[in-house]
Amino acid sequence: METRETGDEKKATVGRLSMEAIVVLASTTLSADDVDRQKRAGTLTLSAPASQAAYLEAGGVIVAEGIMRKKHGKSAFVVTRTYQDANEVRS
């Protein structure tokens, strides 16, 4: 599997199949001060909890579970479980 990024859009490609890939945070926190600061800036940035689950969604279906880790100053999704069987896939 390879990934390709065009602008803000990330795609996961396997062979000739290409789907939008999104990391979905299961939970996160944001203080009132952070909300005010981000509202003034016109952006919304959520920190990924380092020890809680996040999910990789491709084509509208959750295909993997993992955690967010900092690598080389960037957030990386580290897979801890994949949903390979049709009866395991979460949507």
Protein backbone atom coordinates (compact mmCIF):
# COMPACT_ATOMS: atom_id res chain seq x y z
CA MET A 1 0.00 0.00 0.00
CA GLU A 2 1.25 3.46 -0.80
CA THR A 3 -0.06 6.86 0.21
CA ARG A 4 -0.26 9.99 -1.89
CA GLU A 5 -1.01 13.52 -0.73
CA THR A 6 -2.48 16.19 -3.00
CA GLY A 7 -3.14 19.42 -1.13
CA ASP A 8 -5.17 18.58 1.97
CA GLU A 9 -6.36 15.26 0.52
CA LYS A 10 -4.60 11.99 1.40
CA LYS A 11 -5.16 8.83 -0.63
CA ALA A 12 -4.29 5.21 0.13
CA THR A 13 -3.54 3.15 -2.98
CA VAL A 14 -3.39 -0.63 -3.32
CA GLY A 15 -2.78 -1.72 -6.91
CA ARG A 16 -5.22 0.28 -9.04
CA LEU A 17 -7.60 0.96 -6.13
CA SER A 18 -7.29 4.43 -4.60
CA MET A 19 -9.38 5.70 -1.66
CA GLU A 20 -9.41 8.73 0.58
CA ALA A 21 -7.68 7.86 3.88
CA ILE A 22 -8.55 9.68 7.10
CA VAL A 23 -7.38 9.17 10.69
CA VAL A 24 -10.36 9.50 13.06
CA LEU A 25 -9.62 10.35 16.70
CA ALA A 26 -11.71 8.36 19.15
CA SER A 27 -11.42 11.13 21.76
CA THR A 28 -9.44 14.26 22.44
CA THR A 29 -9.57 17.27 24.76
CA LEU A 30 -9.54 20.99 24.12
CA SER A 31 -9.46 23.63 26.87
CA ALA A 32 -11.67 26.73 26.83
CA ASP A 33 -8.56 28.88 26.26
CA ASP A 34 -7.60 26.73 23.27
CA VAL A 35 -11.12 27.10 21.84
CA ASP A 36 -10.98 30.91 22.18
CA ARG A 37 -7.49 31.12 20.68
CA GLN A 38 -8.40 28.89 17.73
CA LYS A 39 -11.69 30.72 17.16
CA ARG A 40 -9.78 34.01 16.85
CA ALA A 41 -7.26 32.37 14.50
CA GLY A 42 -10.04 30.81 12.39
CA THR A 43 -8.58 27.30 12.67
CA LEU A 44 -9.29 24.15 14.63
CA THR A 45 -6.43 21.89 15.64
CA LEU A 46 -6.95 18.89 17.91
CA SER A 47 -4.10 17.12 19.65
CA ALA A 48 -4.20 13.36 19.31
CA PRO A 49 -4.11 11.56 22.66
CA ALA A 50 -0.89 9.52 22.74
CA SER A 51 -2.31 6.56 24.65
CA GLN A 52 -5.86 6.30 23.30
CA ALA A 53 -7.25 4.66 20.19
CA ALA A 54 -7.49 6.31 16.80
CA TYR A 55 -8.89 4.69 13.66
CA LEU A 56 -7.83 4.72 10.01
CA GLU A 57 -10.78 5.16 7.70
CA ALA A 58 -10.52 4.40 3.97
CA GLY A 59 -13.47 4.76 1.66
CA GLY A 60 -15.82 5.38 4.59
CA VAL A 61 -14.87 2.13 6.36
CA ILE A 62 -12.58 1.81 9.40
CA VAL A 63 -9.81 -0.58 8.34
CA ALA A 64 -7.27 -0.23 11.17
CA GLU A 65 -6.94 0.77 14.80
CA GLY A 66 -3.85 2.48 16.15
CA ILE A 67 -2.32 5.21 18.25
CA MET A 68 -0.83 8.58 17.37
CA ARG A 69 2.89 9.05 17.99
CA LYS A 70 5.30 11.91 17.35
CA LYS A 71 8.01 10.98 14.82
CA HIS A 72 10.54 13.53 13.60
CA GLY A 73 8.33 16.37 14.86
CA LYS A 74 5.23 15.13 12.99
CA SER A 75 2.27 13.07 14.14
CA ALA A 76 2.25 9.51 12.81
CA PHE A 77 -0.49 6.89 12.94
CA VAL A 78 0.94 3.60 14.27
CA VAL A 79 -1.25 0.58 13.46
CA THR A 80 -1.95 -1.74 16.41
CA ARG A 81 -4.71 -3.82 14.79
CA THR A 82 -6.09 -4.27 11.29
CA TYR A 83 -9.62 -5.32 10.41
CA GLN A 84 -9.05 -7.82 7.60
CA ASP A 85 -12.19 -9.95 7.70
CA ALA A 86 -15.49 -8.50 6.53
CA ASN A 87 -17.13 -9.35 9.87
CA GLU A 88 -14.42 -7.38 11.72
CA VAL A 89 -14.62 -4.15 9.72
CA ARG A 90 -16.06 -1.23 11.67
CA SER A 91 -18.14 1.42 9.95
